[in-house]
Amino acid sequence: MSEDNELDSLRQLIQQQLANPGSLNADKLIGSGISDANSLTKEQFIEKCPFTTKSEIVTDHQHNPPFGSNLCQDLQLYSKLSKTSG
């Protein structure tokens, strides 16, 4: 994959997250200064992108049961959930 394609894929992923206001990822991205995926450079992403800790995910799940706020699709579009022990 070329660097241009990688950046385009990254921008699409970030735009999906930003389109879900109130989610853990959107809040963290906006809080770190990433609010527009279209003008984002690779260097800006590396400099600003926040890490997400397990405790943040656990807290998010507690406040937004049963799956947390970081769903990729609307809850109604899910038909099956699989979970592994690992």
N, C-alpha and C. Protein backbone atom coordinates (compact mmCIF):
# COMPACT_ATOMS: atom_id res chain seq x y z
N MET A 1 0.85 -1.17 0.00
CA MET A 1 0.00 0.00 0.00
C MET A 1 0.90 1.24 0.00
N SER A 2 0.61 2.16 -0.88
CA SER A 2 1.44 3.36 -0.95
C SER A 2 1.14 4.28 0.23
N GLU A 3 2.04 5.21 0.46
CA GLU A 3 1.87 6.14 1.58
C GLU A 3 0.62 7.00 1.40
N ASP A 4 0.31 7.38 0.16
CA ASP A 4 -0.91 8.15 -0.09
C ASP A 4 -2.16 7.35 0.26
N ASN A 5 -2.16 6.06 -0.10
CA ASN A 5 -3.30 5.20 0.24
C ASN A 5 -3.42 5.01 1.74
N GLU A 6 -2.28 4.88 2.42
CA GLU A 6 -2.31 4.73 3.87
C GLU A 6 -2.91 5.97 4.53
N LEU A 7 -2.52 7.15 4.06
CA LEU A 7 -3.04 8.39 4.62
C LEU A 7 -4.53 8.52 4.34
N ASP A 8 -4.95 8.15 3.14
CA ASP A 8 -6.38 8.19 2.81
C ASP A 8 -7.17 7.24 3.71
N SER A 9 -6.64 6.04 3.93
CA SER A 9 -7.31 5.08 4.81
C SER A 9 -7.38 5.60 6.24
N LEU A 10 -6.30 6.20 6.70
CA LEU A 10 -6.27 6.78 8.04
C LEU A 10 -7.31 7.89 8.16
N ARG A 11 -7.38 8.75 7.16
CA ARG A 11 -8.36 9.84 7.18
C ARG A 11 -9.78 9.31 7.21
N GLN A 12 -10.06 8.25 6.45
CA GLN A 12 -11.40 7.66 6.46
C GLN A 12 -11.74 7.11 7.83
N LEU A 13 -10.79 6.42 8.44
CA LEU A 13 -11.01 5.86 9.77
C LEU A 13 -11.27 6.96 10.79
N ILE A 14 -10.48 8.01 10.75
CA ILE A 14 -10.68 9.11 11.68
C ILE A 14 -12.01 9.80 11.44
N GLN A 15 -12.38 9.97 10.17
CA GLN A 15 -13.66 10.61 9.86
C GLN A 15 -14.82 9.77 10.40
N GLN A 16 -14.71 8.44 10.32
CA GLN A 16 -15.75 7.57 10.88
C GLN A 16 -15.86 7.78 12.38
N GLN A 17 -14.74 7.90 13.06
CA GLN A 17 -14.76 8.10 14.50
C GLN A 17 -15.34 9.46 14.86
N LEU A 18 -14.96 10.49 14.11
CA LEU A 18 -15.46 11.84 14.38
C LEU A 18 -16.95 11.96 14.08
N ALA A 19 -17.46 11.10 13.21
CA ALA A 19 -18.89 11.13 12.86
C ALA A 19 -19.76 10.53 13.96
N ASN A 20 -19.14 10.01 15.00
CA ASN A 20 -19.86 9.40 16.12
C ASN A 20 -19.64 10.27 17.37
N PRO A 21 -20.24 11.47 17.39
CA PRO A 21 -19.99 12.39 18.52
C PRO A 21 -20.41 11.77 19.85
N GLY A 22 -19.61 12.04 20.85
CA GLY A 22 -19.89 11.50 22.18
C GLY A 22 -19.24 10.16 22.43
N SER A 23 -18.66 9.55 21.39
CA SER A 23 -17.98 8.28 21.60
C SER A 23 -16.60 8.54 22.21
N LEU A 24 -16.06 7.53 22.83
CA LEU A 24 -14.75 7.66 23.47
C LEU A 24 -13.70 8.13 22.47
N ASN A 25 -13.65 7.48 21.30
CA ASN A 25 -12.63 7.85 20.31
C ASN A 25 -12.83 9.26 19.78
N ALA A 26 -14.05 9.64 19.47
CA ALA A 26 -14.31 10.99 18.95
C ALA A 26 -13.92 12.03 19.99
N ASP A 27 -14.31 11.80 21.23
CA ASP A 27 -13.97 12.76 22.29
C ASP A 27 -12.46 12.89 22.47
N LYS A 28 -11.75 11.76 22.40
CA LYS A 28 -10.29 11.80 22.56
C LYS A 28 -9.62 12.50 21.38
N LEU A 29 -10.10 12.22 20.16
CA LEU A 29 -9.52 12.87 18.99
C LEU A 29 -9.74 14.38 19.03
N ILE A 30 -10.97 14.78 19.31
CA ILE A 30 -11.29 16.21 19.36
C ILE A 30 -10.51 16.88 20.49
N GLY A 31 -10.43 16.20 21.63
CA GLY A 31 -9.69 16.75 22.76
C GLY A 31 -8.20 16.93 22.49
N SER A 32 -7.67 16.14 21.56
CA SER A 32 -6.25 16.26 21.23
C SER A 32 -6.01 17.22 20.07
N GLY A 33 -7.09 17.82 19.56
CA GLY A 33 -6.93 18.79 18.48
C GLY A 33 -7.15 18.23 17.09
N ILE A 34 -7.61 17.00 16.99
CA ILE A 34 -7.90 16.40 15.68
C ILE A 34 -9.41 16.48 15.47
N SER A 35 -9.83 17.45 14.67
CA SER A 35 -11.27 17.63 14.45
C SER A 35 -11.64 17.62 12.97
N ASP A 36 -10.64 17.56 12.10
CA ASP A 36 -10.90 17.53 10.66
C ASP A 36 -9.95 16.52 10.02
N ALA A 37 -10.49 15.40 9.60
CA ALA A 37 -9.66 14.35 9.02
C ALA A 37 -9.13 14.72 7.65
N ASN A 38 -9.85 15.53 6.91
CA ASN A 38 -9.47 15.83 5.52
C ASN A 38 -8.15 16.57 5.40
N SER A 39 -7.85 17.43 6.36
CA SER A 39 -6.61 18.21 6.27
C SER A 39 -5.49 17.63 7.13
N LEU A 40 -5.74 16.49 7.75
CA LEU A 40 -4.76 15.89 8.65
C LEU A 40 -3.57 15.32 7.88
N THR A 41 -2.38 15.62 8.35
CA THR A 41 -1.17 15.03 7.77
C THR A 41 -0.71 13.88 8.66
N LYS A 42 0.14 13.05 8.11
CA LYS A 42 0.68 11.93 8.87
C LYS A 42 1.44 12.44 10.10
N GLU A 43 2.20 13.50 9.92
CA GLU A 43 2.98 14.06 11.01
C GLU A 43 2.08 14.59 12.13
N GLN A 44 0.99 15.26 11.75
CA GLN A 44 0.05 15.76 12.75
C GLN A 44 -0.59 14.61 13.52
N PHE A 45 -0.93 13.55 12.81
CA PHE A 45 -1.53 12.39 13.46
C PHE A 45 -0.57 11.79 14.48
N ILE A 46 0.68 11.60 14.07
CA ILE A 46 1.68 11.01 14.97
C ILE A 46 1.88 11.89 16.19
N GLU A 47 1.90 13.20 15.98
CA GLU A 47 2.13 14.13 17.08
C GLU A 47 0.94 14.24 18.03
N LYS A 48 -0.28 14.21 17.50
CA LYS A 48 -1.46 14.52 18.31
C LYS A 48 -2.29 13.32 18.76
N CYS A 49 -2.20 12.21 18.05
CA CYS A 49 -3.11 11.09 18.32
C CYS A 49 -2.94 10.58 19.75
N PRO A 50 -4.03 10.56 20.51
CA PRO A 50 -3.94 10.11 21.90
C PRO A 50 -3.98 8.59 22.00
N PHE A 51 -3.33 8.07 23.01
CA PHE A 51 -3.43 6.64 23.32
C PHE A 51 -4.70 6.42 24.13
N THR A 52 -5.26 5.23 24.01
CA THR A 52 -6.42 4.85 24.81
C THR A 52 -5.99 3.73 25.74
N THR A 53 -6.27 3.90 27.01
CA THR A 53 -5.88 2.89 27.99
C THR A 53 -7.04 1.92 28.24
N LYS A 54 -6.70 0.77 28.77
CA LYS A 54 -7.73 -0.21 29.09
C LYS A 54 -8.70 0.35 30.12
N SER A 55 -8.20 1.10 31.08
CA SER A 55 -9.09 1.66 32.11
C SER A 55 -10.10 2.63 31.49
N GLU A 56 -9.70 3.36 30.45
CA GLU A 56 -10.65 4.25 29.77
C GLU A 56 -11.74 3.44 29.07
N ILE A 57 -11.35 2.33 28.48
CA ILE A 57 -12.33 1.47 27.80
C ILE A 57 -13.29 0.85 28.81
N VAL A 58 -12.75 0.38 29.94
CA VAL A 58 -13.59 -0.21 30.99
C VAL A 58 -14.58 0.83 31.52
N THR A 59 -14.10 2.03 31.78
CA THR A 59 -14.98 3.10 32.26
C THR A 59 -16.05 3.43 31.23
N ASP A 60 -15.66 3.47 29.96
CA ASP A 60 -16.62 3.74 28.89
C ASP A 60 -17.69 2.66 28.84
N HIS A 61 -17.30 1.41 29.01
CA HIS A 61 -18.28 0.31 29.02
C HIS A 61 -19.22 0.41 30.21
N GLN A 62 -18.70 0.84 31.35
CA GLN A 62 -19.54 0.99 32.53
C GLN A 62 -20.57 2.10 32.35
N HIS A 63 -20.18 3.17 31.67
CA HIS A 63 -21.09 4.30 31.46
C HIS A 63 -22.00 4.11 30.24
N ASN A 64 -21.66 3.19 29.35
CA ASN A 64 -22.43 2.96 28.13
C ASN A 64 -22.60 1.46 27.89
N PRO A 65 -23.32 0.78 28.80
CA PRO A 65 -23.46 -0.67 28.66
C PRO A 65 -24.32 -1.03 27.45
N PRO A 66 -24.20 -2.19 26.90
CA PRO A 66 -23.27 -3.24 27.31
C PRO A 66 -21.95 -3.21 26.54
N PHE A 67 -21.85 -2.40 25.47
CA PHE A 67 -20.68 -2.47 24.60
C PHE A 67 -19.78 -1.24 24.64
N GLY A 68 -20.17 -0.21 25.33
CA GLY A 68 -19.41 1.03 25.31
C GLY A 68 -19.88 1.93 24.18
N SER A 69 -19.22 3.07 24.03
CA SER A 69 -19.67 4.06 23.05
C SER A 69 -18.96 3.95 21.71
N ASN A 70 -18.02 3.04 21.57
CA ASN A 70 -17.21 2.95 20.35
C ASN A 70 -17.69 1.88 19.39
N LEU A 71 -18.95 1.88 19.09
CA LEU A 71 -19.47 0.94 18.10
C LEU A 71 -19.16 1.45 16.70
N CYS A 72 -18.83 0.54 15.81
CA CYS A 72 -18.52 0.91 14.43
C CYS A 72 -19.79 1.16 13.62
N GLN A 73 -20.88 0.57 14.05
CA GLN A 73 -22.17 0.70 13.36
C GLN A 73 -23.25 0.97 14.40
N ASP A 74 -24.43 1.32 13.94
CA ASP A 74 -25.56 1.45 14.85
C ASP A 74 -25.84 0.10 15.50
N LEU A 75 -26.24 0.12 16.75
CA LEU A 75 -26.48 -1.11 17.49
C LEU A 75 -27.48 -2.03 16.79
N GLN A 76 -28.47 -1.45 16.10
CA GLN A 76 -29.49 -2.24 15.41
C GLN A 76 -28.92 -3.06 14.25
N LEU A 77 -27.75 -2.69 13.74
CA LEU A 77 -27.16 -3.40 12.61
C LEU A 77 -26.36 -4.63 13.02
N TYR A 78 -26.14 -4.80 14.32
CA TYR A 78 -25.41 -5.97 14.80
C TYR A 78 -26.37 -7.13 14.97
N SER A 79 -25.96 -8.31 14.51
CA SER A 79 -26.82 -9.48 14.66
C SER A 79 -26.18 -10.57 15.51
N LYS A 80 -24.85 -10.51 15.68
CA LYS A 80 -24.17 -11.56 16.43
C LYS A 80 -22.92 -10.97 17.08
N LEU A 81 -22.65 -11.40 18.29
CA LEU A 81 -21.45 -10.97 19.00
C LEU A 81 -20.69 -12.21 19.42
N SER A 82 -19.42 -12.27 19.08
CA SER A 82 -18.56 -13.38 19.49
C SER A 82 -17.46 -12.83 20.38
N LYS A 83 -17.10 -13.59 21.38
CA LYS A 83 -16.06 -13.16 22.30
C LYS A 83 -15.13 -14.33 22.57
N THR A 84 -13.84 -14.04 22.58
CA THR A 84 -12.87 -15.08 22.88
C THR A 84 -12.36 -14.92 24.30
N SER A 85 -11.74 -15.93 24.81
CA SER A 85 -11.21 -15.87 26.18
C SER A 85 -9.89 -15.12 26.24
N GLY A 86 -9.26 -14.91 25.10
CA GLY A 86 -7.94 -14.29 25.08
C GLY A 86 -7.98 -12.87 24.84
